[in-house]
Amino acid sequence: MVVNNWFVIVDIYVVISGTGWTRFYFILFYFLSVIVLLNIMVAFTIDMYSSVESLYNQKTEDEEKSSSLLKQESDTSDNNSVTYRESAYTRLDDGGEQPYKS
């Protein structure tokens, strides 16, 4: 797919073969390989890059959501445990704490 001075190579093959079909073959090869296939490869590469980037962004968003949910759950569980501990103990007149006995 290197097309450096391809017209010189085409002229040499046309002179050697003696037919004009050689020129048609090289033009067809240039069109299919350089213009079509190379553009398809570039488009595929760009598409895969954007797909990987969107998956990465989605993964980081999911991780942020899960970490914020875990933080909220831990905050609410801490508040509940404090409330439970405060309700499980009663204060005595001397300032000490003892478990509540019914």
C-alpha atoms as a PDB file:
ATOM      1  CA  MET A   1       0.000   0.000   0.000  1.00  0.00           C
ATOM      2  CA  VAL A   2       2.990   2.249  -0.285  1.00  0.00           C
ATOM      3  CA  VAL A   3       2.239   4.459  -3.257  1.00  0.00           C
ATOM      4  CA  ASN A   4       5.484   6.361  -3.499  1.00  0.00           C
ATOM      5  CA  ASN A   5       6.086   7.023  -7.240  1.00  0.00           C
ATOM      6  CA  TRP A   6       3.550   4.389  -8.219  1.00  0.00           C
ATOM      7  CA  PHE A   7       3.078   5.924 -11.663  1.00  0.00           C
ATOM      8  CA  VAL A   8       6.749   5.214 -12.466  1.00  0.00           C
ATOM      9  CA  ILE A   9       6.290   1.558 -11.564  1.00  0.00           C
ATOM     10  CA  VAL A  10       3.089   1.446 -13.646  1.00  0.00           C
ATOM     11  CA  ASP A  11       4.916   2.844 -16.690  1.00  0.00           C
ATOM     12  CA  ILE A  12       7.666   0.222 -16.329  1.00  0.00           C
ATOM     13  CA  TYR A  13       5.119  -2.628 -16.162  1.00  0.00           C
ATOM     14  CA  VAL A  14       3.166  -1.224 -19.113  1.00  0.00           C
ATOM     15  CA  VAL A  15       6.349  -1.122 -21.219  1.00  0.00           C
ATOM     16  CA  ILE A  16       7.342  -4.667 -20.175  1.00  0.00           C
ATOM     17  CA  SER A  17       3.898  -6.237 -20.617  1.00  0.00           C
ATOM     18  CA  GLY A  18       2.971  -4.273 -23.721  1.00  0.00           C
ATOM     19  CA  THR A  19      -0.721  -4.012 -22.759  1.00  0.00           C
ATOM     20  CA  GLY A  20      -2.892  -1.264 -21.317  1.00  0.00           C
ATOM     21  CA  TRP A  21      -4.605  -3.640 -18.907  1.00  0.00           C
ATOM     22  CA  THR A  22      -1.600  -3.333 -16.596  1.00  0.00           C
ATOM     23  CA  ARG A  23      -2.398   0.333 -16.066  1.00  0.00           C
ATOM     24  CA  PHE A  24      -6.027  -0.602 -15.249  1.00  0.00           C
ATOM     25  CA  TYR A  25      -4.784  -3.205 -12.707  1.00  0.00           C
ATOM     26  CA  PHE A  26      -2.569  -0.681 -10.882  1.00  0.00           C
ATOM     27  CA  ILE A  27      -5.295   1.987 -10.839  1.00  0.00           C
ATOM     28  CA  LEU A  28      -7.772  -0.560  -9.455  1.00  0.00           C
ATOM     29  CA  PHE A  29      -5.218  -1.705  -6.860  1.00  0.00           C
ATOM     30  CA  TYR A  30      -4.547   1.898  -5.825  1.00  0.00           C
ATOM     31  CA  PHE A  31      -8.248   2.643  -5.515  1.00  0.00           C
ATOM     32  CA  LEU A  32      -9.117  -0.481  -3.523  1.00  0.00           C
ATOM     33  CA  SER A  33      -6.102  -0.671  -1.248  1.00  0.00           C
ATOM     34  CA  VAL A  34      -5.271   2.939  -0.546  1.00  0.00           C
ATOM     35  CA  ILE A  35      -8.595   4.715  -0.727  1.00  0.00           C
ATOM     36  CA  VAL A  36     -11.106   2.068   0.399  1.00  0.00           C
ATOM     37  CA  LEU A  37      -9.260  -0.345   2.692  1.00  0.00           C
ATOM     38  CA  LEU A  38      -7.147   2.270   4.406  1.00  0.00           C
ATOM     39  CA  ASN A  39     -10.215   4.402   5.145  1.00  0.00           C
ATOM     40  CA  ILE A  40     -12.046   1.370   6.535  1.00  0.00           C
ATOM     41  CA  MET A  41      -9.097   0.560   8.810  1.00  0.00           C
ATOM     42  CA  VAL A  42      -8.899   4.146  10.081  1.00  0.00           C
ATOM     43  CA  ALA A  43     -12.662   4.286  10.666  1.00  0.00           C
ATOM     44  CA  PHE A  44     -12.577   0.970  12.542  1.00  0.00           C
ATOM     45  CA  THR A  45      -9.701   2.174  14.730  1.00  0.00           C
ATOM     46  CA  ILE A  46     -11.460   5.436  15.599  1.00  0.00           C
ATOM     47  CA  ASP A  47     -14.707   3.580  16.328  1.00  0.00           C
ATOM     48  CA  MET A  48     -12.976   1.101  18.641  1.00  0.00           C
ATOM     49  CA  TYR A  49     -11.228   3.935  20.471  1.00  0.00           C
ATOM     50  CA  SER A  50     -14.516   5.747  21.049  1.00  0.00           C
ATOM     51  CA  SER A  51     -16.170   2.507  22.211  1.00  0.00           C
ATOM     52  CA  VAL A  52     -13.403   1.804  24.715  1.00  0.00           C
ATOM     53  CA  GLU A  53     -13.516   5.406  25.927  1.00  0.00           C
ATOM     54  CA  SER A  54     -17.294   5.288  26.471  1.00  0.00           C
ATOM     55  CA  LEU A  55     -16.983   1.969  28.347  1.00  0.00           C
ATOM     56  CA  TYR A  56     -14.282   3.487  30.551  1.00  0.00           C
ATOM     57  CA  ASN A  57     -16.435   6.542  31.267  1.00  0.00           C
ATOM     58  CA  GLN A  58     -19.413   4.322  32.089  1.00  0.00           C
ATOM     59  CA  LYS A  59     -17.269   2.193  34.406  1.00  0.00           C
ATOM     60  CA  THR A  60     -15.965   5.232  36.295  1.00  0.00           C
ATOM     61  CA  GLU A  61     -19.506   6.632  36.631  1.00  0.00           C
ATOM     62  CA  ASP A  62     -20.722   3.287  37.999  1.00  0.00           C
ATOM     63  CA  GLU A  63     -17.838   3.173  40.474  1.00  0.00           C
ATOM     64  CA  GLU A  64     -18.598   6.722  41.620  1.00  0.00           C
ATOM     65  CA  LYS A  65     -22.275   5.872  42.078  1.00  0.00           C
ATOM     66  CA  SER A  66     -21.500   2.711  44.031  1.00  0.00           C
ATOM     67  CA  SER A  67     -18.971   4.476  46.258  1.00  0.00           C
ATOM     68  CA  SER A  68     -21.448   7.272  47.001  1.00  0.00           C
ATOM     69  CA  LEU A  69     -24.141   4.694  47.794  1.00  0.00           C
ATOM     70  CA  LEU A  70     -21.750   2.839  50.112  1.00  0.00           C
ATOM     71  CA  LYS A  71     -20.866   6.091  51.818  1.00  0.00           C
ATOM     72  CA  GLN A  72     -24.540   6.949  52.288  1.00  0.00           C
ATOM     73  CA  GLU A  73     -25.230   3.474  53.687  1.00  0.00           C
ATOM     74  CA  SER A  74     -22.307   3.696  56.088  1.00  0.00           C
ATOM     75  CA  ASP A  75     -23.428   7.156  57.220  1.00  0.00           C
ATOM     76  CA  THR A  76     -26.953   5.924  57.925  1.00  0.00           C
ATOM     77  CA  SER A  77     -25.679   2.788  59.672  1.00  0.00           C
ATOM     78  CA  ASP A  78     -23.394   4.937  61.854  1.00  0.00           C
ATOM     79  CA  ASN A  79     -26.346   7.127  62.807  1.00  0.00           C
ATOM     80  CA  ASN A  80     -28.478   4.077  63.602  1.00  0.00           C
ATOM     81  CA  SER A  81     -25.754   2.488  65.716  1.00  0.00           C
ATOM     82  CA  VAL A  82     -25.298   5.698  67.714  1.00  0.00           C
ATOM     83  CA  THR A  83     -29.019   5.840  68.337  1.00  0.00           C
ATOM     84  CA  TYR A  84     -29.037   2.180  69.348  1.00  0.00           C
ATOM     85  CA  ARG A  85     -26.116   2.646  71.718  1.00  0.00           C
ATOM     86  CA  GLU A  86     -27.668   5.691  73.314  1.00  0.00           C
ATOM     87  CA  SER A  87     -30.970   3.915  73.830  1.00  0.00           C
ATOM     88  CA  ALA A  88     -29.337   0.751  75.197  1.00  0.00           C
ATOM     89  CA  TYR A  89     -27.653   2.591  78.085  1.00  0.00           C
ATOM     90  CA  THR A  90     -29.195   4.691  80.799  1.00  0.00           C
ATOM     91  CA  ARG A  91     -27.446   7.364  82.779  1.00  0.00           C
ATOM     92  CA  LEU A  92     -27.218   6.940  86.489  1.00  0.00           C
ATOM     93  CA  ASP A  93     -27.230   9.797  88.916  1.00  0.00           C
ATOM     94  CA  ASP A  94     -23.494   9.429  89.492  1.00  0.00           C
ATOM     95  CA  GLY A  95     -22.715   9.901  85.787  1.00  0.00           C
ATOM     96  CA  GLY A  96     -21.725   6.306  85.024  1.00  0.00           C
ATOM     97  CA  GLU A  97     -23.299   4.186  82.299  1.00  0.00           C
ATOM     98  CA  GLN A  98     -24.854   0.781  82.757  1.00  0.00           C
ATOM     99  CA  PRO A  99     -26.777  -1.404  80.390  1.00  0.00           C
ATOM    100  CA  TYR A 100     -30.493  -0.948  80.525  1.00  0.00           C
ATOM    101  CA  LYS A 101     -32.211  -3.738  82.469  1.00  0.00           C
ATOM    102  CA  SER A 102     -35.924  -4.228  82.321  1.00  0.00           C
END
